Structures are given as structure tokens and as C-alpha cells.
Protein backbone atom coordinates (compact mmCIF):
# COMPACT_ATOMS: atom_id res chain seq x y z
CA MET A 1 -0.04 0.05 0.04
CA LYS A 2 1.42 3.33 -0.88
CA LYS A 3 0.02 6.75 -0.11
CA VAL A 4 0.13 9.57 -2.70
CA LEU A 5 -0.63 13.41 -1.94
CA VAL A 6 -1.98 15.42 -4.90
CA ILE A 7 -1.37 19.25 -4.56
CA ASN A 8 -3.03 22.05 -6.73
CA SER A 9 -1.43 25.34 -5.63
CA GLY A 10 -3.28 28.59 -6.51
CA SER A 11 -1.86 32.01 -5.95
CA SER A 12 -3.39 32.11 -2.52
CA SER A 13 -4.67 28.66 -2.02
CA LEU A 14 -3.37 25.04 -1.90
CA LYS A 15 -5.86 22.22 -2.44
CA TYR A 16 -4.81 18.67 -1.57
CA GLN A 17 -6.17 15.02 -1.73
CA LEU A 18 -4.51 11.86 -0.16
CA PHE A 19 -4.87 8.57 -1.76
CA ASN A 20 -4.22 5.02 -0.71
CA VAL A 21 -2.90 3.19 -3.70
CA ASP A 22 -2.96 -0.66 -3.71
CA GLY A 23 -2.11 -1.88 -7.39
CA ASP A 24 -4.78 -0.29 -9.73
CA ASN A 25 -6.92 0.79 -6.82
CA TYR A 26 -6.84 4.41 -5.76
CA GLU A 27 -8.92 5.05 -2.73
CA PRO A 28 -9.21 8.82 -1.80
CA VAL A 29 -8.99 9.03 2.01
CA ALA A 30 -8.77 12.77 2.75
CA LYS A 31 -8.90 16.13 1.17
CA GLY A 32 -8.93 19.76 1.93
CA ILE A 33 -7.79 23.23 1.08
CA ALA A 34 -5.74 25.91 2.61
CA GLU A 35 -7.16 29.27 1.77
CA ARG A 36 -6.03 32.95 1.93
CA ILE A 37 -2.34 32.12 1.95
CA GLY A 38 -0.60 35.42 2.63
CA ILE A 39 -3.78 37.18 3.49
CA GLU A 40 -5.28 37.91 6.73
CA GLY A 41 -7.87 35.48 7.83
CA SER A 42 -6.25 32.34 6.36
CA ASN A 43 -7.67 28.90 7.26
CA ILE A 44 -7.25 25.37 6.35
CA SER A 45 -9.84 22.49 6.17
CA LEU A 46 -9.57 18.62 6.32
CA LYS A 47 -12.44 16.37 5.09
CA ILE A 48 -12.46 12.63 5.82
CA GLY A 49 -15.77 11.08 4.66
CA ASP A 50 -18.56 13.30 5.93
CA ASN A 51 -16.45 14.71 8.66
CA LYS A 52 -14.83 18.23 8.18
CA GLN A 53 -12.57 20.22 10.33
CA THR A 54 -11.45 23.71 9.68
CA LYS A 55 -8.71 25.53 11.41
CA HIS A 56 -7.91 29.30 11.23
CA ILE A 57 -4.20 29.87 11.45
CA ASP A 58 -1.66 32.42 9.94
CA MET A 59 -0.04 30.99 6.61
CA PRO A 60 2.18 33.71 5.20
CA THR A 61 3.64 31.43 2.35
CA HIS A 62 2.88 28.17 0.62
CA THR A 63 5.58 26.61 2.84
CA GLU A 64 3.67 27.47 5.98
CA ALA A 65 0.41 26.25 4.31
CA PHE A 66 2.00 22.83 3.38
CA LYS A 67 3.22 22.42 6.97
CA GLU A 68 -0.38 22.78 8.07
CA VAL A 69 -1.49 20.35 5.44
CA ILE A 70 0.85 17.68 7.02
CA ASN A 71 0.01 18.49 10.52
CA PHE A 72 -3.77 18.10 9.59
CA LEU A 73 -3.04 14.74 7.96
CA LEU A 74 -0.96 13.58 10.84
CA SER A 75 -4.07 14.18 13.04
CA GLY A 76 -5.74 11.10 11.26
CA PRO A 77 -4.94 9.79 7.78
CA LEU A 78 -1.10 9.62 8.23
CA LYS A 79 0.74 8.12 11.21
CA SER A 80 4.12 9.70 10.12
CA VAL A 81 5.39 11.44 7.03
CA GLU A 82 7.43 8.49 6.29
CA GLU A 83 4.15 6.95 5.12
CA LEU A 84 3.96 9.33 2.11
CA SER A 85 5.24 7.63 -1.02
CA ALA A 86 4.98 10.47 -3.46
CA VAL A 87 3.50 13.90 -4.11
CA GLY A 88 1.83 14.77 -7.51
CA HIS A 89 1.29 18.47 -8.56
CA ARG A 90 -1.17 20.05 -10.83
CA VAL A 91 0.97 22.57 -12.99
CA LEU A 92 -0.76 25.13 -15.20
CA HIS A 93 1.55 25.50 -18.11
CA GLY A 94 3.97 23.08 -19.84
CA GLY A 95 4.46 25.28 -22.89
CA GLU A 96 6.28 23.43 -25.65
CA ILE A 97 8.78 21.99 -23.29
CA PHE A 98 6.74 19.33 -21.39
CA LYS A 99 4.96 16.94 -23.56
CA ASP A 100 4.11 14.66 -20.74
CA SER A 101 4.12 14.61 -17.03
CA VAL A 102 7.53 14.57 -15.45
CA LYS A 103 9.31 13.56 -12.29
CA ILE A 104 10.47 16.71 -10.63
CA THR A 105 14.19 17.62 -10.48
CA ASP A 106 15.98 20.79 -10.16
CA GLU A 107 16.49 20.77 -13.86
CA GLU A 108 12.87 20.39 -14.30
CA ILE A 109 12.06 23.27 -12.03
CA ALA A 110 14.34 25.45 -13.89
CA LYS A 111 12.53 24.79 -17.08
CA MET A 112 9.20 25.47 -15.39
CA GLU A 113 10.56 28.88 -14.22
CA THR A 114 10.98 29.78 -17.85
CA LEU A 115 7.28 29.43 -18.37
CA LYS A 116 6.18 32.02 -15.93
CA PRO A 117 5.52 34.58 -18.65
CA LEU A 118 2.97 32.18 -20.13
CA GLY A 119 1.07 31.71 -16.81
CA PRO A 120 2.00 34.80 -14.63
CA LEU A 121 -0.79 34.20 -12.14
CA HIS A 122 -0.58 30.47 -11.69
CA MET A 123 2.99 29.31 -12.52
CA PRO A 124 4.71 30.99 -9.47
CA ALA A 125 2.11 29.55 -7.18
CA ASN A 126 2.63 26.14 -8.77
CA ILE A 127 6.40 26.32 -8.35
CA SER A 128 6.03 27.53 -4.72
CA GLY A 129 3.98 24.45 -3.88
CA ILE A 130 6.73 22.31 -5.37
CA ARG A 131 9.45 24.17 -3.38
CA ALA A 132 7.45 23.91 -0.19
CA VAL A 133 7.22 20.13 -0.42
CA GLU A 134 10.87 19.94 -1.41
CA GLU A 135 11.85 21.94 1.78
CA LEU A 136 9.79 19.88 4.02
CA LEU A 137 10.02 16.46 2.53
CA PRO A 138 13.21 16.47 0.58
CA ASN A 139 13.25 12.71 0.08
CA VAL A 140 9.78 12.14 -1.35
CA PRO A 141 9.61 11.97 -5.10
CA GLN A 142 7.58 14.67 -6.68
CA VAL A 143 5.79 14.57 -10.10
CA ALA A 144 4.40 17.49 -12.14
CA VAL A 145 1.28 16.98 -14.26
CA PHE A 146 0.59 19.87 -16.67
CA ASP A 147 -2.80 21.06 -17.55
CA THR A 148 -1.55 21.75 -21.21
CA THR A 149 0.13 18.32 -22.22
CA PHE A 150 -3.20 16.72 -23.22
CA HIS A 151 -3.48 19.15 -25.96
CA GLN A 152 0.21 18.75 -27.24
CA THR A 153 -1.02 16.11 -29.81
CA MET A 154 -2.65 18.83 -31.78
CA LYS A 155 -1.12 19.42 -35.28
CA PRO A 156 0.19 22.74 -36.31
CA GLU A 157 -2.79 23.67 -38.38
CA ALA A 158 -4.73 23.38 -35.10
CA PHE A 159 -2.44 25.24 -32.75
CA MET A 160 -0.87 27.97 -34.97
CA TYR A 161 -2.20 31.47 -35.23
CA ALA A 162 -2.21 33.25 -38.46
CA LEU A 163 0.44 35.79 -37.04
CA PRO A 164 3.95 36.63 -38.34
CA MET A 165 6.00 33.45 -37.64
CA GLU A 166 8.48 35.18 -35.53
CA TYR A 167 5.84 35.50 -32.82
CA TYR A 168 5.60 31.74 -32.59
CA THR A 169 9.40 30.90 -33.05
CA LYS A 170 10.68 33.62 -30.76
CA HIS A 171 7.81 34.15 -28.31
CA GLN A 172 5.89 30.68 -28.31
CA ILE A 173 2.55 32.37 -29.10
CA ARG A 174 0.31 29.59 -30.16
CA ARG A 175 -2.73 27.70 -28.95
CA TYR A 176 -2.00 25.68 -25.88
CA GLY A 177 -5.41 24.83 -24.55
CA PHE A 178 -6.13 24.12 -20.71
CA HIS A 179 -8.20 21.85 -18.59
CA GLY A 180 -6.21 19.14 -20.21
CA ILE A 181 -6.17 16.82 -17.30
CA SER A 182 -9.95 16.99 -17.20
CA HIS A 183 -10.48 16.31 -20.67
CA ALA A 184 -8.02 13.45 -20.59
CA PHE A 185 -9.94 11.80 -17.83
CA VAL A 186 -13.44 12.07 -19.08
CA ALA A 187 -12.45 11.12 -22.60
CA GLN A 188 -10.69 7.96 -21.15
CA GLU A 189 -13.97 7.16 -19.23
CA ALA A 190 -16.14 7.75 -22.15
CA ALA A 191 -14.02 5.41 -24.27
CA LYS A 192 -14.77 2.60 -21.81
CA LEU A 193 -18.49 3.36 -21.83
CA ILE A 194 -18.63 3.25 -25.60
CA GLY A 195 -16.19 0.32 -26.07
CA LYS A 196 -13.78 2.15 -28.17
CA LYS A 197 -11.64 5.26 -28.19
CA GLY A 198 -13.51 6.68 -31.07
CA LYS A 199 -14.47 10.25 -31.80
CA ILE A 200 -15.26 12.14 -28.68
CA ILE A 201 -16.21 15.75 -27.91
CA THR A 202 -15.48 16.74 -24.15
CA CYS A 203 -17.23 19.75 -22.61
CA HIS A 204 -15.64 21.00 -19.52
CA LEU A 205 -18.13 23.49 -18.41
CA GLY A 206 -17.52 25.54 -15.20
CA ASN A 207 -16.97 29.01 -14.45
CA GLY A 208 -13.92 28.63 -16.74
CA ALA A 209 -15.02 26.51 -19.63
CA SER A 210 -13.46 24.57 -22.74
CA LEU A 211 -14.15 21.95 -25.31
CA ALA A 212 -11.88 19.43 -26.85
CA ALA A 213 -12.07 17.16 -29.87
CA VAL A 214 -10.55 13.75 -29.11
CA ASP A 215 -9.83 11.27 -31.86
CA ASN A 216 -8.82 7.82 -30.87
CA GLY A 217 -7.56 9.02 -27.41
CA LYS A 218 -5.72 12.05 -28.67
CA CYS A 219 -6.61 15.76 -28.66
CA VAL A 220 -6.90 17.23 -32.21
CA ASP A 221 -8.39 20.56 -31.34
CA THR A 222 -9.56 22.59 -28.16
CA SER A 223 -11.33 25.95 -27.63
CA MET A 224 -8.95 27.72 -25.21
CA GLY A 225 -5.80 29.29 -26.77
CA PHE A 226 -2.80 30.96 -25.86
CA THR A 227 -4.64 31.92 -22.57
CA PRO A 228 -7.77 30.44 -20.89
CA LEU A 229 -9.74 33.61 -22.16
CA ALA A 230 -10.35 32.15 -25.44
CA GLY A 231 -13.29 30.01 -26.71
CA ILE A 232 -16.81 29.76 -25.50
CA ILE A 233 -18.56 32.31 -23.22
CA MET A 234 -17.64 31.68 -19.60
CA GLY A 235 -18.87 32.84 -16.06
CA THR A 236 -16.96 36.20 -16.30
CA ARG A 237 -14.63 35.71 -19.32
CA SER A 238 -15.74 36.86 -22.76
CA GLY A 239 -14.51 33.88 -24.84
CA ASP A 240 -13.69 34.58 -28.48
CA VAL A 241 -14.10 38.12 -29.50
CA ASP A 242 -13.07 40.08 -32.52
CA PRO A 243 -9.36 40.99 -31.52
CA PHE A 244 -9.88 44.57 -32.55
CA ILE A 245 -12.38 45.21 -29.64
CA ALA A 246 -9.44 45.33 -27.33
CA LEU A 247 -7.72 47.88 -29.21
CA HIS A 248 -10.97 49.78 -29.82
CA LEU A 249 -11.55 49.92 -26.04
CA GLN A 250 -7.89 51.43 -25.60
CA LYS A 251 -8.11 53.65 -28.59
CA VAL A 252 -11.54 55.11 -28.42
CA LEU A 253 -12.53 54.59 -24.93
CA GLY A 254 -9.19 55.33 -23.46
CA LYS A 255 -8.92 52.16 -21.41
CA THR A 256 -5.63 50.93 -20.30
CA ALA A 257 -4.13 47.41 -21.09
CA GLU A 258 -4.95 46.41 -17.46
CA GLU A 259 -8.49 47.61 -17.58
CA VAL A 260 -9.08 45.88 -20.78
CA ASN A 261 -7.80 42.62 -19.29
CA ALA A 262 -10.00 43.15 -16.44
CA ILE A 263 -13.05 43.75 -18.66
CA LEU A 264 -12.50 40.68 -20.73
CA ASN A 265 -11.48 38.46 -18.02
CA LYS A 266 -13.64 39.56 -14.86
CA GLN A 267 -16.44 41.66 -16.13
CA SER A 268 -17.72 39.83 -19.30
CA GLY A 269 -19.11 36.56 -20.09
CA MET A 270 -22.35 35.62 -18.36
CA TYR A 271 -21.86 38.06 -15.68
CA GLY A 272 -21.40 40.91 -18.39
CA ILE A 273 -24.63 39.94 -20.11
CA CYS A 274 -26.91 39.37 -17.18
CA GLY A 275 -25.27 40.31 -14.02
CA TYR A 276 -24.88 36.69 -12.87
CA SER A 277 -21.70 34.55 -13.19
CA ASP A 278 -23.03 31.36 -11.20
CA ASN A 279 -24.90 29.05 -13.70
CA ARG A 280 -27.26 28.17 -10.96
CA ASP A 281 -28.33 31.74 -10.73
CA VAL A 282 -28.64 32.15 -14.54
CA GLU A 283 -30.65 29.07 -14.95
CA THR A 284 -33.09 30.09 -12.12
CA LYS A 285 -33.52 33.65 -13.69
CA TYR A 286 -33.88 31.96 -17.03
CA GLN A 287 -36.93 30.02 -15.80
CA GLU A 288 -38.26 33.13 -14.30
CA GLY A 289 -38.14 34.60 -17.81
CA GLU A 290 -35.70 37.39 -16.98
CA GLU A 291 -34.88 38.92 -20.26
CA LYS A 292 -31.24 39.23 -19.83
CA ALA A 293 -30.80 35.71 -18.40
CA VAL A 294 -32.63 34.36 -21.30
CA LEU A 295 -30.29 36.11 -23.64
CA ALA A 296 -27.26 34.81 -21.64
CA MET A 297 -28.45 31.30 -21.76
CA ASN A 298 -29.14 31.44 -25.54
CA MET A 299 -25.81 33.05 -26.19
CA TYR A 300 -24.12 30.50 -24.02
CA VAL A 301 -25.92 27.54 -25.81
CA HIS A 302 -24.98 28.93 -29.19
CA SER A 303 -21.22 29.39 -28.34
CA ILE A 304 -21.03 25.87 -27.22
CA LEU A 305 -22.88 24.58 -30.44
CA ARG A 306 -20.47 26.48 -32.60
CA PHE A 307 -17.64 24.35 -31.27
CA ILE A 308 -19.34 21.18 -31.12
CA GLY A 309 -20.44 21.63 -34.81
CA SER A 310 -16.84 22.56 -35.85
CA TYR A 311 -15.38 19.71 -34.00
CA ILE A 312 -17.73 17.23 -35.56
CA ALA A 313 -16.36 18.53 -38.99
CA VAL A 314 -12.79 18.28 -37.61
CA LEU A 315 -13.24 14.61 -36.43
CA GLY A 316 -15.11 13.61 -39.38
CA GLY A 317 -18.08 12.43 -37.24
CA VAL A 318 -18.71 11.98 -33.50
CA ASP A 319 -19.40 8.85 -31.37
CA ALA A 320 -19.89 10.53 -28.10
CA ILE A 321 -20.38 13.97 -26.33
CA VAL A 322 -19.45 14.41 -22.72
CA PHE A 323 -20.46 17.00 -20.21
CA THR A 324 -18.33 17.52 -17.15
CA ALA A 325 -17.20 20.02 -14.53
CA GLY A 326 -19.55 22.13 -12.16
CA VAL A 327 -21.87 23.45 -14.90
CA GLY A 328 -21.61 20.35 -17.12
CA GLU A 329 -22.33 18.09 -14.40
CA ASN A 330 -25.15 20.01 -12.72
CA GLY A 331 -26.70 22.31 -15.43
CA SER A 332 -29.67 20.12 -16.57
CA ILE A 333 -31.55 22.94 -18.24
CA LEU A 334 -28.37 23.87 -20.21
CA ARG A 335 -27.72 20.23 -21.25
CA GLN A 336 -31.35 19.96 -22.44
CA MET A 337 -31.18 23.09 -24.54
CA ILE A 338 -27.91 22.04 -26.21
CA MET A 339 -29.24 18.43 -26.92
CA GLU A 340 -32.47 19.84 -28.33
CA LYS A 341 -30.39 21.83 -30.79
CA LEU A 342 -28.32 18.59 -31.59
CA GLY A 343 -31.42 16.66 -32.67
CA TYR A 344 -30.40 16.70 -36.29
CA LEU A 345 -27.72 14.20 -35.16
CA GLY A 346 -30.13 11.62 -34.08
CA ILE A 347 -29.68 12.62 -30.41
CA HIS A 348 -32.62 12.38 -28.08
CA LEU A 349 -32.74 13.19 -24.37
CA ASN A 350 -33.39 10.85 -21.55
CA VAL A 351 -35.31 13.35 -19.39
CA GLU A 352 -35.13 11.32 -16.14
CA ASN A 353 -31.45 10.54 -16.46
CA ASN A 354 -30.70 14.30 -17.26
CA LYS A 355 -32.33 15.22 -13.85
CA LYS A 356 -29.76 13.09 -11.86
CA ARG A 357 -26.55 14.64 -10.32
CA GLY A 358 -23.05 13.58 -9.19
CA GLU A 359 -22.85 10.33 -11.02
CA THR A 360 -21.61 9.02 -14.41
CA ILE A 361 -24.74 8.49 -16.45
CA GLU A 362 -25.91 8.34 -20.10
CA ILE A 363 -28.42 11.10 -20.79
CA SER A 364 -29.18 10.14 -24.36
CA THR A 365 -31.84 7.56 -25.07
CA SER A 366 -31.00 3.93 -26.34
CA ASP A 367 -31.92 4.81 -29.95
CA SER A 368 -29.71 7.83 -30.21
CA LYS A 369 -27.13 7.74 -32.95
CA VAL A 370 -24.69 9.72 -30.83
CA ARG A 371 -24.14 8.84 -27.15
CA VAL A 372 -24.26 11.67 -24.69
CA PHE A 373 -22.81 11.35 -21.15
CA VAL A 374 -22.45 13.31 -17.92
CA ILE A 375 -19.10 12.13 -16.35
CA PRO A 376 -17.89 13.81 -13.09
CA THR A 377 -14.36 14.80 -13.65
CA ASN A 378 -11.65 13.56 -11.32
CA GLU A 379 -8.44 15.46 -12.05
CA GLU A 380 -6.92 14.49 -8.78
CA LEU A 381 -7.14 10.86 -9.64
CA MET A 382 -5.44 11.49 -13.03
CA ILE A 383 -2.60 13.28 -11.31
CA ALA A 384 -2.21 10.45 -8.65
CA GLN A 385 -2.14 7.96 -11.40
CA ASP A 386 0.58 9.87 -13.36
CA THR A 387 2.56 10.23 -10.04
CA MET A 388 2.61 6.53 -9.59
CA ARG A 389 3.53 6.00 -13.14
CA LEU A 390 6.56 8.29 -12.95
CA ALA A 391 7.68 8.47 -9.40
CA PHE A 392 9.10 4.90 -8.94
């Protein structure tokens, strides 16, 4: 029996989950989050089964936060730190350097440091989490699992932008895609359900959202781009817009680059249209007939359909469509609206199954020509599996 700890470090947070690993069996035994790291009022939680504990304690850095994670785990799931077999980290950006997950060494960390300009908000935090584990548990192997590597199988015609070539060759400006760990997991699970790797469109719909076209287990296209701003409409992000809009906001309205960034990333999307970024609120207001919420839902569905349709063309057909993440797993009204629009594919909604939550389930009827599933994502499991594959 081995124990693997999965870490997901944010700029002011550190999520964690502990697994007991016995062969191919991965049992999640505890999870939690350290929040407000470096901010007044920091706290940490530990959940084992239905039992949740929360402790308010000062955590100025990720090192202190990781110390508290270990202390919390030692209060129950761990008898000693020597029981920890390995630590796996979610890392935002692998650039073009990392085509796969990697066992962490000083050399690999140095490579990650060069990718900070591509992920200025996330990469410093990800590396801080790695350094914190290295400082406190120097003999425990660590593995980095990148959110971009699943999309590294895209061909140049899919990942290149029609910009002067020097911006790619000198500055690595290209489509990278994100949510790769989630897309990889649900595509893998869908392949099991349909009995072949096939042609699968995965829809990771949360406050941040992206779609991917997966052919025979490999990503051939994805909706996010150089940054997570691109693609479909999201909670507060605009998704794809005419690139000149950003210049127009600066030149005509006098907005600074920082203000434009805030507009596109934090003030747009569903929030910008109707004033709500949480899909639960949007669906409630949609059902009440609130005009702006109706518009927001219709725009959201339309943006998703545009990518599904284009991906069917890219794949040359489709065997399965998968919904996952917070909105994808729980937004029954949104799923119904999308599936009704896809009726031309011979898709029919299983109304009762579509009402269910929190489980892997097929929401298309048995006579549908394309199968549609809801599959709860499990990025932590994917990270734990890659950690076991590479750490030993």
C-alpha cells in the first residue's frame, strides 16, 4: 500500500487530496484546502468522509500552508510523514517543453521557471507548492502533471495562429489549451463506456470552460488558446471576440491594457450579459423569464454549439459527447437546451437521467445515434495515477 498526496497550488490557496494506492485501486481518504495564503484570515480544512474540520491559522507562504496540510493529515490519515510515497502537483503550463508529466528535479523546475511569462498568475504559485514540498519532504519523489500536455497532440494547423511566424518561433505564441487533465480523464472514461476510443467531444463547463475534440484518445483541437480567455462564453470571461475590440476599448474609450484585461476576464461572459456568473443563478432567472438571463443562456448555448459543430467536422463524425465540471455536471437545463439543438444528429434526451446529479450517467436515449454522457471529472485521480507511473 502506497500513499500519494496530490497538490493543486493557487496564488493564495493550496488544495490537496490523499490517496491510498493498492495496485490499480486508488482510494481517496482525505482532502482539503488551505485558503487565503499570505492574506489576513487564512484557514485550512480537512475532510475525511462526511467529517470536516476547519482551522484558522496564519499562513504567510505556501511553505507554512504545506506544513499545516501535513499537520492536519498527521491528525488522522497519516501516522508519520514517512508513510507518504510521493507527491503529485497540478501545474498550469507546460509550454512546448513538457509533452508529458515529469518527475521533478532541479533541472525540471528550472524549465518551469522559464514558463512563468505564459502563466504569470498560476506558475509562480505552482512552483511555490513544489518548493514547499521539497523543503519539508526532501526525500519524497514529486511529479508535475501539466494542464496543457493533453493538447500537445494537436497538429500545427490546429495550434498555430495566423500571425507573423516570429511571434511563434521567438515568443511561443500559439494555442495551448487548458483543462487538459479533465479532458483526458473524461475522454478516457467515455471510451470505456462506448467500448472504443472513437471520436469524442468533451465539454468541460465550469466558471472557466473549454471543449476538446478527441480522436482515438488524442486531442486534435481545443477551444481555449494562448490563454484561458479564448473559446466559449464563460462565467466572467468573454470567450472569443473580435481581436480589434481590445484595441477599440483602448483607442476610442481610453482604457488601459490592465483595464481591458479586467473587462475581458472578470467583467464579461455571463456576468457581463446578465449580471450573474454562477450558472445556478442564471438558470433560475432563465426559468423566471428574466430577459437578460434568457439572452445569456441562449448566447451560451450558441457558443457551445458552434464548437461542437466545428469539432464534428474536424473529427469527421462523432461517437460521443461528454459534459463535465460544475456546470456540465449540474446544469440540466443547459444540457437539455444543447441536446435539443443537436437533434439533427439523431440525439434524443433521456429526461429522467438528465435530472440526476453527481454520477456518471448516459443522458441520451438508447436509440440515439450519438451517445451523450455526464461524467464527473476527477483530475486528482489522473494526477495520482501519473505520479505513480513516474515516481518509482
